[in-house]
Amino acid sequence: MIRDDIKAAQVTAMKAGDKESRNAISLIQAAIKNRDIELRTGTANPDDDAVVVEVLQKMVKQRRESIAMYESGGRQELADAEKAEVR
């Protein structure tokens, strides 16, 4: 499951002392948890991997939009930070 891979990646990032990766993975897990809470009110339980992929696609789209806005506004340092999260 993708969710397990994300948890394993967070453990690896923590052990390696990679703060950027750890922070990005924490944001991903928070978004997934928020989506899980939203889905509790629904009647059908969608496939877990599908939910995770949906959340990840949404997050990448948001980051790409932010990158475009930062670059058009002359804020390259912020655009670079968003690019690092997309990697």
N, C-alpha and C. Protein backbone atom coordinates (compact mmCIF):
# COMPACT_ATOMS: atom_id res chain seq x y z
N MET A 1 0.85 -1.19 0.00
CA MET A 1 0.00 0.00 0.00
C MET A 1 0.89 1.24 0.00
N ILE A 2 0.40 2.25 -0.65
CA ILE A 2 1.15 3.50 -0.76
C ILE A 2 1.32 4.15 0.62
N ARG A 3 0.32 4.03 1.43
CA ARG A 3 0.36 4.64 2.77
C ARG A 3 1.53 4.07 3.58
N ASP A 4 1.76 2.78 3.47
CA ASP A 4 2.88 2.14 4.17
C ASP A 4 4.22 2.62 3.63
N ASP A 5 4.29 2.82 2.33
CA ASP A 5 5.52 3.33 1.71
C ASP A 5 5.84 4.74 2.21
N ILE A 6 4.80 5.55 2.39
CA ILE A 6 5.00 6.91 2.88
C ILE A 6 5.51 6.89 4.31
N LYS A 7 4.94 6.03 5.14
CA LYS A 7 5.41 5.91 6.53
C LYS A 7 6.86 5.44 6.58
N ALA A 8 7.22 4.48 5.72
CA ALA A 8 8.59 3.99 5.67
C ALA A 8 9.54 5.09 5.21
N ALA A 9 9.11 5.91 4.26
CA ALA A 9 9.94 7.01 3.78
C ALA A 9 10.16 8.04 4.87
N GLN A 10 9.16 8.25 5.72
CA GLN A 10 9.32 9.20 6.81
C GLN A 10 10.34 8.68 7.83
N VAL A 11 10.27 7.41 8.15
CA VAL A 11 11.23 6.82 9.08
C VAL A 11 12.65 6.94 8.52
N THR A 12 12.79 6.66 7.24
CA THR A 12 14.10 6.76 6.59
C THR A 12 14.62 8.19 6.62
N ALA A 13 13.75 9.15 6.35
CA ALA A 13 14.15 10.56 6.37
C ALA A 13 14.55 10.99 7.77
N MET A 14 13.83 10.53 8.78
CA MET A 14 14.17 10.88 10.16
C MET A 14 15.52 10.29 10.55
N LYS A 15 15.76 9.04 10.18
CA LYS A 15 17.04 8.39 10.51
C LYS A 15 18.21 9.07 9.79
N ALA A 16 17.96 9.53 8.57
CA ALA A 16 19.01 10.18 7.79
C ALA A 16 19.20 11.64 8.18
N GLY A 17 18.29 12.19 8.96
CA GLY A 17 18.37 13.60 9.34
C GLY A 17 18.01 14.55 8.22
N ASP A 18 17.22 14.09 7.27
CA ASP A 18 16.81 14.89 6.12
C ASP A 18 15.55 15.67 6.49
N LYS A 19 15.74 16.90 6.93
CA LYS A 19 14.62 17.71 7.42
C LYS A 19 13.64 18.07 6.31
N GLU A 20 14.14 18.38 5.12
CA GLU A 20 13.25 18.76 4.02
C GLU A 20 12.31 17.63 3.65
N SER A 21 12.87 16.44 3.51
CA SER A 21 12.04 15.28 3.16
C SER A 21 11.07 14.96 4.28
N ARG A 22 11.54 15.01 5.50
CA ARG A 22 10.68 14.71 6.65
C ARG A 22 9.51 15.68 6.71
N ASN A 23 9.78 16.95 6.49
CA ASN A 23 8.71 17.95 6.53
C ASN A 23 7.70 17.75 5.40
N ALA A 24 8.21 17.44 4.20
CA ALA A 24 7.31 17.22 3.07
C ALA A 24 6.44 15.99 3.32
N ILE A 25 7.04 14.94 3.86
CA ILE A 25 6.27 13.72 4.12
C ILE A 25 5.25 13.97 5.22
N SER A 26 5.59 14.78 6.20
CA SER A 26 4.63 15.11 7.25
C SER A 26 3.43 15.85 6.67
N LEU A 27 3.69 16.75 5.73
CA LEU A 27 2.58 17.46 5.07
C LEU A 27 1.69 16.49 4.30
N ILE A 28 2.32 15.53 3.65
CA ILE A 28 1.56 14.53 2.89
C ILE A 28 0.68 13.72 3.84
N GLN A 29 1.26 13.28 4.95
CA GLN A 29 0.48 12.48 5.90
C GLN A 29 -0.67 13.29 6.50
N ALA A 30 -0.44 14.56 6.76
CA ALA A 30 -1.51 15.40 7.29
C ALA A 30 -2.64 15.55 6.27
N ALA A 31 -2.29 15.73 5.00
CA ALA A 31 -3.31 15.86 3.96
C ALA A 31 -4.10 14.57 3.81
N ILE A 32 -3.41 13.44 3.90
CA ILE A 32 -4.10 12.15 3.80
C ILE A 32 -5.04 11.96 4.98
N LYS A 33 -4.59 12.34 6.16
CA LYS A 33 -5.44 12.21 7.36
C LYS A 33 -6.67 13.09 7.24
N ASN A 34 -6.50 14.31 6.73
CA ASN A 34 -7.64 15.20 6.53
C ASN A 34 -8.64 14.60 5.55
N ARG A 35 -8.12 13.99 4.50
CA ARG A 35 -9.00 13.36 3.51
C ARG A 35 -9.73 12.17 4.12
N ASP A 36 -9.04 11.41 4.97
CA ASP A 36 -9.69 10.29 5.66
C ASP A 36 -10.85 10.78 6.52
N ILE A 37 -10.65 11.90 7.19
CA ILE A 37 -11.70 12.47 8.03
C ILE A 37 -12.89 12.90 7.18
N GLU A 38 -12.61 13.51 6.03
CA GLU A 38 -13.68 13.92 5.12
C GLU A 38 -14.49 12.72 4.63
N LEU A 39 -13.80 11.62 4.40
CA LEU A 39 -14.47 10.44 3.85
C LEU A 39 -15.28 9.67 4.89
N ARG A 40 -15.09 9.95 6.15
CA ARG A 40 -15.84 9.24 7.19
C ARG A 40 -17.34 9.48 7.07
N THR A 41 -17.71 10.63 6.55
CA THR A 41 -19.13 10.95 6.45
C THR A 41 -19.78 10.30 5.24
N GLY A 42 -18.98 9.83 4.30
CA GLY A 42 -19.51 9.20 3.09
C GLY A 42 -20.01 7.79 3.37
N THR A 43 -20.81 7.29 2.47
CA THR A 43 -21.35 5.95 2.65
C THR A 43 -20.45 4.88 2.04
N ALA A 44 -19.79 5.19 0.94
CA ALA A 44 -18.92 4.20 0.28
C ALA A 44 -17.48 4.40 0.71
N ASN A 45 -16.76 3.31 0.87
CA ASN A 45 -15.35 3.37 1.21
C ASN A 45 -14.53 3.20 -0.07
N PRO A 46 -13.90 4.27 -0.55
CA PRO A 46 -13.10 4.14 -1.76
C PRO A 46 -11.81 3.36 -1.47
N ASP A 47 -11.17 2.90 -2.52
CA ASP A 47 -9.91 2.19 -2.41
C ASP A 47 -8.87 3.09 -1.74
N ASP A 48 -8.12 2.53 -0.78
CA ASP A 48 -7.16 3.33 -0.01
C ASP A 48 -6.09 3.93 -0.90
N ASP A 49 -5.54 3.15 -1.81
CA ASP A 49 -4.51 3.67 -2.71
C ASP A 49 -5.06 4.78 -3.59
N ALA A 50 -6.30 4.66 -4.01
CA ALA A 50 -6.92 5.69 -4.84
C ALA A 50 -7.03 7.01 -4.08
N VAL A 51 -7.36 6.92 -2.81
CA VAL A 51 -7.46 8.12 -1.97
C VAL A 51 -6.11 8.79 -1.84
N VAL A 52 -5.08 8.00 -1.58
CA VAL A 52 -3.74 8.54 -1.42
C VAL A 52 -3.25 9.18 -2.72
N VAL A 53 -3.48 8.52 -3.83
CA VAL A 53 -3.07 9.07 -5.13
C VAL A 53 -3.80 10.37 -5.41
N GLU A 54 -5.08 10.42 -5.10
CA GLU A 54 -5.86 11.65 -5.29
C GLU A 54 -5.28 12.80 -4.47
N VAL A 55 -4.95 12.53 -3.22
CA VAL A 55 -4.37 13.56 -2.35
C VAL A 55 -3.03 14.02 -2.89
N LEU A 56 -2.19 13.09 -3.30
CA LEU A 56 -0.87 13.45 -3.83
C LEU A 56 -0.98 14.27 -5.11
N GLN A 57 -1.89 13.90 -5.99
CA GLN A 57 -2.09 14.67 -7.23
C GLN A 57 -2.54 16.09 -6.93
N LYS A 58 -3.42 16.23 -5.97
CA LYS A 58 -3.92 17.55 -5.60
C LYS A 58 -2.78 18.40 -5.02
N MET A 59 -1.95 17.79 -4.18
CA MET A 59 -0.85 18.52 -3.56
C MET A 59 0.17 18.96 -4.62
N VAL A 60 0.48 18.09 -5.56
CA VAL A 60 1.44 18.45 -6.61
C VAL A 60 0.88 19.58 -7.47
N LYS A 61 -0.40 19.52 -7.78
CA LYS A 61 -1.02 20.57 -8.58
C LYS A 61 -0.94 21.92 -7.84
N GLN A 62 -1.21 21.91 -6.53
CA GLN A 62 -1.11 23.13 -5.75
C GLN A 62 0.30 23.68 -5.76
N ARG A 63 1.28 22.79 -5.61
CA ARG A 63 2.68 23.24 -5.59
C ARG A 63 3.08 23.84 -6.93
N ARG A 64 2.65 23.21 -8.03
CA ARG A 64 3.00 23.73 -9.35
C ARG A 64 2.37 25.10 -9.60
N GLU A 65 1.15 25.28 -9.13
CA GLU A 65 0.50 26.59 -9.26
C GLU A 65 1.25 27.63 -8.44
N SER A 66 1.69 27.24 -7.24
CA SER A 66 2.45 28.17 -6.40
C SER A 66 3.77 28.53 -7.05
N ILE A 67 4.44 27.54 -7.63
CA ILE A 67 5.72 27.80 -8.30
C ILE A 67 5.53 28.83 -9.40
N ALA A 68 4.51 28.65 -10.21
CA ALA A 68 4.24 29.59 -11.31
C ALA A 68 3.98 31.00 -10.78
N MET A 69 3.21 31.10 -9.72
CA MET A 69 2.90 32.42 -9.15
C MET A 69 4.15 33.06 -8.54
N TYR A 70 4.95 32.28 -7.82
CA TYR A 70 6.17 32.82 -7.22
C TYR A 70 7.15 33.28 -8.29
N GLU A 71 7.30 32.50 -9.36
CA GLU A 71 8.23 32.88 -10.42
C GLU A 71 7.75 34.13 -11.16
N SER A 72 6.45 34.23 -11.38
CA SER A 72 5.94 35.43 -12.06
C SER A 72 6.03 36.65 -11.15
N GLY A 73 6.05 36.42 -9.84
CA GLY A 73 6.16 37.52 -8.90
C GLY A 73 7.59 37.84 -8.50
N GLY A 74 8.55 37.12 -9.09
CA GLY A 74 9.95 37.41 -8.81
C GLY A 74 10.44 36.85 -7.48
N ARG A 75 9.78 35.84 -6.96
CA ARG A 75 10.17 35.24 -5.66
C ARG A 75 10.78 33.86 -5.89
N GLN A 76 11.95 33.85 -6.49
CA GLN A 76 12.58 32.59 -6.88
C GLN A 76 12.90 31.70 -5.68
N GLU A 77 13.25 32.29 -4.53
CA GLU A 77 13.57 31.48 -3.35
C GLU A 77 12.35 30.69 -2.87
N LEU A 78 11.19 31.28 -2.95
CA LEU A 78 9.97 30.57 -2.58
C LEU A 78 9.60 29.52 -3.63
N ALA A 79 9.84 29.84 -4.88
CA ALA A 79 9.58 28.88 -5.95
C ALA A 79 10.50 27.67 -5.80
N ASP A 80 11.75 27.91 -5.44
CA ASP A 80 12.70 26.82 -5.23
C ASP A 80 12.28 25.93 -4.06
N ALA A 81 11.74 26.53 -3.02
CA ALA A 81 11.27 25.76 -1.87
C ALA A 81 10.10 24.86 -2.27
N GLU A 82 9.20 25.38 -3.08
CA GLU A 82 8.06 24.58 -3.56
C GLU A 82 8.54 23.47 -4.49
N LYS A 83 9.52 23.77 -5.32
CA LYS A 83 10.07 22.76 -6.22
C LYS A 83 10.69 21.61 -5.43
N ALA A 84 11.34 21.94 -4.32
CA ALA A 84 11.95 20.92 -3.49
C ALA A 84 10.90 19.99 -2.89
N GLU A 85 9.73 20.53 -2.56
CA GLU A 85 8.65 19.70 -2.02
C GLU A 85 8.06 18.78 -3.08
N VAL A 86 8.05 19.20 -4.33
CA VAL A 86 7.48 18.39 -5.40
C VAL A 86 8.40 17.21 -5.70
N ARG A 87 9.68 17.40 -5.54
CA ARG A 87 10.63 16.30 -5.82
C ARG A 87 10.30 15.17 -4.95
